[in-house]
Amino acid sequence: MILRAALALTLMTTTAIAQDDTMTQETLNLWLTAFEARAEAEGITLQTLEQSLSGIAFLPDVIERDRNQNEFSKTIWAYLDTAVSDPRITAGQRALETHSTTFDAIEAAYGVDSHIIAAIWGLESSYGAVRGDVDTLSGLATLAHEGRRAAFFEAQLIAALTIIQDGDAAPTDLRGSWAGAMGHTQFMPTTFQKLAVDFDGDGRRDIWGDDPTDALASTAAFLADAGWQTGQAWGVEVTLPEGFDYDQARRTGTRVPSAWATLGVQTADGSAIPDSFKGGSILLPAGHRGPAFMIFSNFRALEYYNRADAYVIAVGHLADRLRGSGSIQADWPRDDRALTFDERLELQELLTAAGHSTLGADGIIGPNTINAARRYQRGSGLVPDGYPSLALLEVLRQGVSSQD
């Protein structure tokens, strides 16, 4: 096994380790010693381990960032204000023009809309300008050691070591986001292994270098594998009629656009949606007080990239803006605020205690929490939009207080 000096990295201060003072560089070193045996069992050689793991550092900041991801910790309107800003739109249109030949070739090869690929590039690295500076191996080891999602991050760490062992990159090349995502479009190591492509034909799948070709093509390959449908929309902003049954605004309630139209659902700009856009469902990312969207199968394909509704809407809306469409027309409920991580946990626990299980409390608002919130709202005479707002949390708290 690799010998490590626990005192070699004494950079960490008591304040820096405030996330969990039981985790230190020394405990990470002990974890790595046990991990090496598991990595060897997965085919990682001693040479690769020695080459790659000798300088691993404990990074407490990545733990804090894992628990406060922007897509989940910000309101969607605050997230979109940054994600689809005027400077990002202008830079994206310039990038599409500069790399037009590359984008055209990638769209022809994979059938994925160039504007969608450009939007992902813009969100993930500001079109290559900000690819991340966190040491990937250290970040992944820290998160695997932390334990909240140990199996996931350990698998990513082994995949990163495999990338090094296969000669796709050197350890020093592997830099990116706090979560281990790398390159222009921020591929996780397992995703790189499965779906990265050598589109420029130079014999190397290079998502890290200044030339974005392989990264952009790899992103198109990813979405094609996820079920992207050529010629289909991701979604469209709609208006809902007075008296709309909000219980129908759920991901499983799919209809063709003409069927929604008979219920009074119309596009915000008055245009018709062709029935060739299959599987339309209504999404209310800010509840009944905010904009409504009819989303289609390509929305679900984008979720494989990032499951947060805020992220998928940002990609879709930025792509629309890059091709010249206007901004979202309906107002967001800007008087509201996002729930903190602890409040999201509390919401999930209170919903479950009220008989509407969220199937676990992890602080991440997903379909299980939204469905539980909808059931509670319906039974309490509230608008059943499933929106996990501060107002809903306060109602749940009052329910607990009234039982005391």
Protein backbone atom coordinates (compact mmCIF):
# COMPACT_ATOMS: atom_id res chain seq x y z
CA MET A 1 0.00 0.00 0.00
CA ILE A 2 1.03 3.61 -0.50
CA LEU A 3 2.74 5.23 2.46
CA ARG A 4 1.31 8.62 3.37
CA ALA A 5 2.47 11.11 5.93
CA ALA A 6 -0.59 12.32 7.79
CA LEU A 7 1.29 15.52 8.59
CA ALA A 8 2.22 16.24 4.99
CA LEU A 9 -0.83 18.40 4.48
CA THR A 10 -1.30 20.52 7.58
CA LEU A 11 -3.12 23.27 5.72
CA MET A 12 -6.46 22.56 7.32
CA THR A 13 -7.53 24.88 10.12
CA THR A 14 -10.13 24.19 12.77
CA THR A 15 -12.43 26.66 11.06
CA ALA A 16 -12.01 25.00 7.67
CA ILE A 17 -13.07 21.66 9.10
CA ALA A 18 -16.18 23.10 10.73
CA GLN A 19 -18.36 20.98 8.46
CA ASP A 20 -17.48 17.90 10.52
CA ASP A 21 -14.56 18.02 12.95
CA THR A 22 -14.31 14.23 12.99
CA MET A 23 -13.00 14.34 9.40
CA THR A 24 -9.42 15.47 8.88
CA GLN A 25 -6.51 14.82 6.55
CA GLU A 26 -5.53 11.98 8.87
CA THR A 27 -8.91 10.27 8.70
CA LEU A 28 -8.90 10.69 4.91
CA ASN A 29 -5.48 9.01 4.76
CA LEU A 30 -6.83 6.08 6.77
CA TRP A 31 -9.83 5.87 4.44
CA LEU A 32 -7.54 5.91 1.39
CA THR A 33 -5.51 3.02 2.77
CA ALA A 34 -8.65 0.88 2.92
CA PHE A 35 -9.84 2.24 -0.43
CA GLU A 36 -6.67 1.13 -2.22
CA ALA A 37 -7.52 -2.52 -1.65
CA ARG A 38 -10.97 -1.98 -3.12
CA ALA A 39 -9.48 -0.09 -6.08
CA GLU A 40 -7.02 -2.93 -6.75
CA ALA A 41 -9.95 -5.35 -6.77
CA GLU A 42 -11.51 -3.16 -9.49
CA GLY A 43 -8.38 -3.45 -11.66
CA ILE A 44 -6.47 -0.33 -10.64
CA THR A 45 -2.75 -1.12 -10.54
CA LEU A 46 -0.34 -0.23 -7.75
CA GLN A 47 1.55 1.94 -10.21
CA THR A 48 -1.58 4.00 -10.92
CA LEU A 49 -2.40 4.28 -7.23
CA GLU A 50 1.12 5.45 -6.41
CA GLN A 51 1.07 7.90 -9.30
CA SER A 52 -2.35 9.32 -8.46
CA LEU A 53 -3.08 9.22 -4.74
CA SER A 54 0.11 10.38 -3.05
CA GLY A 55 -0.98 14.02 -2.97
CA ILE A 56 -4.67 13.64 -2.13
CA ALA A 57 -5.90 16.47 0.12
CA PHE A 58 -8.94 16.70 2.37
CA LEU A 59 -11.18 19.47 0.99
CA PRO A 60 -13.94 20.36 3.48
CA ASP A 61 -15.28 23.06 1.19
CA VAL A 62 -16.57 20.47 -1.27
CA ILE A 63 -18.73 18.93 1.46
CA GLU A 64 -20.34 22.28 2.19
CA ARG A 65 -20.94 22.88 -1.52
CA ASP A 66 -22.42 19.41 -1.98
CA ARG A 67 -25.06 20.26 0.60
CA ASN A 68 -25.87 23.67 -0.83
CA GLN A 69 -26.04 23.25 -4.58
CA ASN A 70 -27.36 26.34 -6.37
CA GLU A 71 -29.97 24.38 -8.31
CA PHE A 72 -31.53 23.31 -5.00
CA SER A 73 -30.60 26.11 -2.58
CA LYS A 74 -31.57 29.15 -4.69
CA THR A 75 -35.02 30.12 -5.87
CA ILE A 76 -35.43 29.20 -9.50
CA TRP A 77 -35.78 32.84 -10.52
CA ALA A 78 -32.54 33.80 -8.78
CA TYR A 79 -30.83 30.86 -10.47
CA LEU A 80 -32.20 31.83 -13.90
CA ASP A 81 -31.23 35.48 -13.43
CA THR A 82 -27.61 34.34 -13.45
CA ALA A 83 -27.84 31.29 -15.70
CA VAL A 84 -29.66 33.10 -18.52
CA SER A 85 -28.16 36.56 -18.14
CA ASP A 86 -27.71 38.94 -21.06
CA PRO A 87 -23.89 38.52 -21.02
CA ARG A 88 -24.26 34.73 -21.16
CA ILE A 89 -26.68 35.00 -24.08
CA THR A 90 -24.33 37.34 -25.97
CA ALA A 91 -21.31 35.11 -25.30
CA GLY A 92 -23.27 32.03 -26.40
CA GLN A 93 -24.31 33.58 -29.68
CA ARG A 94 -20.69 34.51 -30.29
CA ALA A 95 -19.57 30.96 -29.47
CA LEU A 96 -22.14 29.48 -31.85
CA GLU A 97 -20.83 31.71 -34.62
CA THR A 98 -17.16 31.07 -33.87
CA HIS A 99 -17.62 27.28 -33.79
CA SER A 100 -20.43 27.05 -36.34
CA THR A 101 -18.71 24.38 -38.44
CA THR A 102 -18.12 22.21 -35.39
CA PHE A 103 -21.69 22.66 -34.10
CA ASP A 104 -23.15 21.84 -37.53
CA ALA A 105 -21.09 18.65 -37.78
CA ILE A 106 -22.06 17.54 -34.28
CA GLU A 107 -25.76 18.21 -34.85
CA ALA A 108 -25.61 16.25 -38.11
CA ALA A 109 -23.90 13.33 -36.39
CA TYR A 110 -26.09 13.07 -33.28
CA GLY A 111 -29.32 14.89 -34.08
CA VAL A 112 -29.08 17.09 -30.99
CA ASP A 113 -29.93 20.78 -31.33
CA SER A 114 -26.76 22.91 -31.41
CA HIS A 115 -28.38 25.56 -29.24
CA ILE A 116 -28.98 23.00 -26.49
CA ILE A 117 -25.34 21.89 -26.62
CA ALA A 118 -24.21 25.52 -26.54
CA ALA A 119 -26.50 26.21 -23.57
CA ILE A 120 -25.03 23.33 -21.58
CA TRP A 121 -21.53 24.56 -22.46
CA GLY A 122 -22.49 28.03 -21.28
CA LEU A 123 -23.95 26.85 -17.98
CA GLU A 124 -21.22 24.36 -17.20
CA SER A 125 -18.11 26.41 -17.97
CA SER A 126 -19.12 29.80 -19.42
CA TYR A 127 -18.22 28.47 -22.88
CA GLY A 128 -14.91 27.06 -21.69
CA ALA A 129 -13.75 30.11 -19.72
CA VAL A 130 -14.33 28.57 -16.26
CA ARG A 131 -13.68 24.82 -16.32
CA GLY A 132 -13.01 24.48 -12.59
CA ASP A 133 -9.82 24.41 -10.55
CA VAL A 134 -10.57 21.78 -7.90
CA ASP A 135 -8.30 18.74 -7.92
CA THR A 136 -10.71 16.03 -9.07
CA LEU A 137 -9.09 13.16 -7.21
CA SER A 138 -9.02 15.08 -3.91
CA GLY A 139 -12.61 16.24 -4.29
CA LEU A 140 -13.91 12.77 -5.06
CA ALA A 141 -11.93 11.18 -2.24
CA THR A 142 -13.21 13.79 0.22
CA LEU A 143 -16.84 13.20 -0.75
CA ALA A 144 -16.48 9.41 -0.73
CA HIS A 145 -14.87 9.62 2.73
CA GLU A 146 -17.60 11.99 3.99
CA GLY A 147 -20.08 9.19 3.43
CA ARG A 148 -23.41 10.81 2.56
CA ARG A 149 -23.12 9.46 -0.99
CA ALA A 150 -20.09 7.26 -0.44
CA ALA A 151 -20.84 4.56 -3.02
CA PHE A 152 -21.46 7.08 -5.79
CA PHE A 153 -18.30 9.10 -5.21
CA GLU A 154 -16.11 6.04 -4.67
CA ALA A 155 -17.28 4.72 -8.04
CA GLN A 156 -16.39 8.10 -9.57
CA LEU A 157 -12.94 8.00 -7.96
CA ILE A 158 -12.25 4.53 -9.37
CA ALA A 159 -13.43 5.73 -12.78
CA ALA A 160 -11.08 8.73 -12.56
CA LEU A 161 -8.20 6.40 -11.75
CA THR A 162 -9.18 4.27 -14.74
CA ILE A 163 -9.04 7.36 -16.98
CA ILE A 164 -5.46 7.91 -15.79
CA GLN A 165 -4.56 4.24 -16.15
CA ASP A 166 -5.97 4.12 -19.69
CA GLY A 167 -3.82 7.08 -20.71
CA ASP A 168 -6.67 9.49 -21.44
CA ALA A 169 -5.29 12.02 -18.96
CA ALA A 170 -2.60 12.57 -16.35
CA PRO A 171 -3.51 13.16 -12.69
CA THR A 172 -2.67 16.85 -13.06
CA ASP A 173 -5.12 17.13 -15.98
CA LEU A 174 -8.04 16.09 -13.79
CA ARG A 175 -9.32 19.39 -12.49
CA GLY A 176 -12.88 20.62 -12.50
CA SER A 177 -15.82 21.26 -10.22
CA TRP A 178 -16.06 20.48 -6.52
CA ALA A 179 -18.18 17.39 -7.36
CA GLY A 180 -15.68 15.79 -9.73
CA ALA A 181 -17.18 17.02 -13.00
CA MET A 182 -14.53 17.85 -15.60
CA GLY A 183 -13.90 19.73 -18.80
CA HIS A 184 -15.89 22.14 -20.96
CA THR A 185 -19.22 20.46 -20.28
CA GLN A 186 -18.38 18.95 -16.90
CA PHE A 187 -18.49 15.20 -17.39
CA MET A 188 -18.33 12.96 -14.35
CA PRO A 189 -15.64 10.26 -14.67
CA THR A 190 -18.09 7.37 -15.22
CA THR A 191 -19.87 9.41 -17.88
CA PHE A 192 -16.56 10.10 -19.59
CA GLN A 193 -15.77 6.38 -19.63
CA LYS A 194 -19.12 5.47 -21.16
CA LEU A 195 -19.91 8.30 -23.56
CA ALA A 196 -16.96 10.58 -24.29
CA VAL A 197 -15.97 10.56 -27.97
CA ASP A 198 -12.92 11.46 -30.05
CA PHE A 199 -14.82 13.62 -32.54
CA ASP A 200 -11.81 15.43 -33.95
CA GLY A 201 -10.06 12.12 -34.71
CA ASP A 202 -6.76 12.87 -32.99
CA GLY A 203 -6.77 9.57 -31.10
CA ARG A 204 -7.67 11.07 -27.72
CA ARG A 205 -10.95 11.90 -26.03
CA ASP A 206 -9.93 15.33 -24.80
CA ILE A 207 -12.61 17.21 -22.87
CA TRP A 208 -10.07 19.29 -20.91
CA GLY A 209 -8.07 21.18 -23.54
CA ASP A 210 -8.77 24.54 -25.09
CA ASP A 211 -10.35 22.98 -28.18
CA PRO A 212 -13.98 22.20 -27.15
CA THR A 213 -14.74 19.83 -30.05
CA ASP A 214 -14.55 16.51 -28.19
CA ALA A 215 -16.40 17.91 -25.17
CA LEU A 216 -19.26 19.32 -27.26
CA ALA A 217 -19.58 16.12 -29.29
CA SER A 218 -19.45 14.05 -26.12
CA THR A 219 -22.35 16.09 -24.73
CA ALA A 220 -24.36 15.43 -27.87
CA ALA A 221 -23.54 11.73 -27.60
CA PHE A 222 -24.71 11.81 -23.97
CA LEU A 223 -28.07 13.37 -24.86
CA ALA A 224 -28.58 11.04 -27.80
CA ASP A 225 -27.97 8.11 -25.46
CA ALA A 226 -30.45 9.67 -22.99
CA GLY A 227 -33.18 9.61 -25.63
CA TRP A 228 -33.02 13.05 -27.21
CA GLN A 229 -35.62 13.32 -29.99
CA THR A 230 -34.59 15.34 -33.05
CA GLY A 231 -37.11 18.03 -33.89
CA GLN A 232 -38.83 17.92 -30.50
CA ALA A 233 -38.95 20.83 -28.06
CA TRP A 234 -37.74 20.66 -24.47
CA GLY A 235 -40.77 22.64 -23.33
CA VAL A 236 -42.78 25.80 -23.87
CA GLU A 237 -44.21 28.40 -21.52
CA VAL A 238 -48.00 28.15 -21.21
CA THR A 239 -50.87 29.91 -19.46
CA LEU A 240 -53.42 27.98 -17.43
CA PRO A 241 -57.14 28.77 -17.43
CA GLU A 242 -59.03 30.08 -14.43
CA GLY A 243 -60.20 27.17 -12.32
CA PHE A 244 -57.47 24.85 -13.62
CA ASP A 245 -57.25 21.57 -11.73
CA TYR A 246 -53.72 21.80 -10.35
CA ASP A 247 -53.78 18.14 -9.50
CA GLN A 248 -53.25 17.58 -13.23
CA ALA A 249 -49.96 19.48 -13.14
CA ARG A 250 -47.87 16.41 -12.50
CA ARG A 251 -45.12 14.69 -14.46
CA THR A 252 -47.19 11.56 -15.02
CA GLY A 253 -50.19 13.47 -16.39
CA THR A 254 -49.21 13.50 -20.07
CA ARG A 255 -51.42 14.57 -22.97
CA VAL A 256 -50.82 15.70 -26.53
CA PRO A 257 -50.87 19.50 -26.85
CA SER A 258 -54.29 19.58 -28.53
CA ALA A 259 -55.78 17.71 -25.57
CA TRP A 260 -54.31 20.28 -23.20
CA ALA A 261 -55.71 23.02 -25.43
CA THR A 262 -59.24 21.66 -24.99
CA LEU A 263 -58.72 22.17 -21.23
CA GLY A 264 -57.81 25.81 -21.82
CA VAL A 265 -54.02 25.49 -21.67
CA GLN A 266 -52.46 27.87 -24.18
CA THR A 267 -48.94 28.96 -25.05
CA ALA A 268 -47.83 32.24 -23.51
CA ASP A 269 -47.28 33.75 -26.96
CA GLY A 270 -50.50 32.38 -28.48
CA SER A 271 -48.80 30.01 -30.93
CA ALA A 272 -50.03 26.48 -31.54
CA ILE A 273 -48.05 23.48 -30.32
CA PRO A 274 -47.99 20.60 -32.81
CA ASP A 275 -49.19 17.23 -31.59
CA SER A 276 -45.92 15.82 -32.89
CA PHE A 277 -44.54 17.04 -29.56
CA LYS A 278 -45.38 13.91 -27.63
CA GLY A 279 -46.01 13.37 -23.95
CA GLY A 280 -46.71 16.93 -22.81
CA SER A 281 -47.09 17.46 -19.06
CA ILE A 282 -47.49 20.62 -17.00
CA LEU A 283 -44.64 21.77 -14.77
CA LEU A 284 -45.02 24.47 -12.11
CA PRO A 285 -41.46 25.12 -10.90
CA ALA A 286 -42.58 27.93 -8.56
CA GLY A 287 -46.06 26.66 -7.79
CA HIS A 288 -49.31 28.16 -8.99
CA ARG A 289 -48.03 31.71 -8.44
CA GLY A 290 -45.25 31.41 -11.03
CA PRO A 291 -44.83 30.55 -14.71
CA ALA A 292 -46.16 27.27 -16.08
CA PHE A 293 -44.47 25.12 -18.71
CA MET A 294 -45.58 22.27 -20.92
CA ILE A 295 -42.61 19.93 -21.03
CA PHE A 296 -41.87 17.09 -23.42
CA SER A 297 -39.64 14.05 -23.77
CA ASN A 298 -36.50 16.12 -24.36
CA PHE A 299 -36.95 17.68 -20.91
CA ARG A 300 -36.56 14.17 -19.54
CA ALA A 301 -33.46 13.59 -21.66
CA LEU A 302 -31.89 16.74 -20.21
CA GLU A 303 -32.64 15.47 -16.69
CA TYR A 304 -30.04 12.77 -17.21
CA TYR A 305 -27.48 15.58 -17.30
CA ASN A 306 -28.79 17.23 -14.13
CA ARG A 307 -32.04 16.29 -12.42
CA ALA A 308 -32.80 19.73 -10.97
CA ASP A 309 -35.78 21.39 -12.68
CA ALA A 310 -34.01 24.74 -12.37
CA TYR A 311 -31.05 23.44 -14.37
CA VAL A 312 -33.14 21.86 -17.13
CA ILE A 313 -35.29 24.96 -17.51
CA ALA A 314 -32.13 27.07 -17.61
CA VAL A 315 -30.66 24.93 -20.40
CA GLY A 316 -33.89 24.99 -22.40
CA HIS A 317 -34.55 28.68 -21.90
CA LEU A 318 -30.94 29.67 -22.63
CA ALA A 319 -31.08 27.62 -25.84
CA ASP A 320 -34.28 29.45 -26.81
CA ARG A 321 -32.67 32.81 -26.11
CA LEU A 322 -29.59 31.86 -28.14
CA ARG A 323 -31.82 31.28 -31.15
CA GLY A 324 -33.52 34.65 -30.64
CA SER A 325 -36.65 33.90 -28.59
CA GLY A 326 -37.86 36.23 -25.85
CA SER A 327 -37.74 35.94 -22.08
CA ILE A 328 -40.19 34.10 -19.84
CA GLN A 329 -43.37 36.18 -19.77
CA ALA A 330 -45.07 35.31 -16.49
CA ASP A 331 -43.83 36.81 -13.25
CA TRP A 332 -42.00 34.80 -10.62
CA PRO A 333 -43.12 35.03 -6.96
CA ARG A 334 -40.07 37.07 -5.99
CA ASP A 335 -41.49 37.79 -2.54
CA ASP A 336 -40.82 34.15 -1.69
CA ARG A 337 -37.46 32.72 -0.62
CA ALA A 338 -35.78 29.36 -0.97
CA LEU A 339 -35.86 26.91 1.92
CA THR A 340 -32.55 26.23 3.60
CA PHE A 341 -31.13 22.71 3.65
CA ASP A 342 -32.37 22.22 7.23
CA GLU A 343 -35.81 23.54 6.30
CA ARG A 344 -36.03 21.15 3.35
CA LEU A 345 -35.20 18.28 5.69
CA GLU A 346 -37.83 19.52 8.14
CA LEU A 347 -40.43 19.78 5.38
CA GLN A 348 -39.78 16.19 4.33
CA GLU A 349 -39.92 14.95 7.93
CA LEU A 350 -43.16 16.82 8.67
CA LEU A 351 -44.84 15.61 5.48
CA THR A 352 -43.92 12.03 6.36
CA ALA A 353 -45.12 12.48 9.93
CA ALA A 354 -48.42 13.83 8.56
CA GLY A 355 -48.92 10.57 6.65
CA HIS A 356 -47.54 11.65 3.29
CA SER A 357 -44.19 9.88 3.01
CA THR A 358 -41.39 11.47 1.00
CA LEU A 359 -39.57 8.10 1.05
CA GLY A 360 -36.71 9.51 3.08
CA ALA A 361 -35.39 12.92 4.12
CA ASP A 362 -32.29 14.09 2.27
CA GLY A 363 -32.91 17.80 1.81
CA ILE A 364 -33.24 17.41 -1.97
CA ILE A 365 -36.67 18.26 -3.37
CA GLY A 366 -37.59 15.69 -5.99
CA PRO A 367 -40.74 13.99 -7.29
CA ASN A 368 -41.37 12.08 -4.04
CA THR A 369 -41.40 15.27 -1.97
CA ILE A 370 -43.49 17.16 -4.54
CA ASN A 371 -46.06 14.36 -4.68
CA ALA A 372 -46.20 14.16 -0.89
CA ALA A 373 -46.67 17.93 -0.69
CA ARG A 374 -49.46 17.72 -3.26
CA ARG A 375 -51.27 15.04 -1.28
CA TYR A 376 -50.99 17.07 1.91
CA GLN A 377 -52.20 20.25 0.20
CA ARG A 378 -55.17 18.47 -1.31
CA GLY A 379 -56.19 17.06 2.07
CA SER A 380 -55.75 20.43 3.75
CA GLY A 381 -57.77 22.48 1.27
CA LEU A 382 -54.71 24.17 -0.24
CA VAL A 383 -53.88 24.57 -3.94
CA PRO A 384 -52.35 21.15 -4.77
CA ASP A 385 -49.41 22.42 -6.83
CA GLY A 386 -46.78 20.45 -4.88
CA TYR A 387 -44.62 23.53 -4.40
CA PRO A 388 -42.37 23.17 -1.33
CA SER A 389 -42.65 26.78 -0.14
CA LEU A 390 -41.95 28.43 3.18
CA ALA A 391 -45.71 28.98 3.49
CA LEU A 392 -46.30 25.22 3.23
CA LEU A 393 -43.62 24.54 5.83
CA GLU A 394 -45.26 27.01 8.20
CA VAL A 395 -48.65 25.31 7.75
CA LEU A 396 -47.03 21.97 8.56
CA ARG A 397 -45.39 23.46 11.65
CA GLN A 398 -48.73 24.85 12.81
CA GLY A 399 -50.21 21.41 12.42
CA VAL A 400 -47.57 19.99 14.76
CA SER A 401 -48.06 22.84 17.24
CA SER A 402 -51.82 22.31 17.33
CA GLN A 403 -51.24 18.69 18.33
CA ASP A 404 -48.99 19.60 21.26
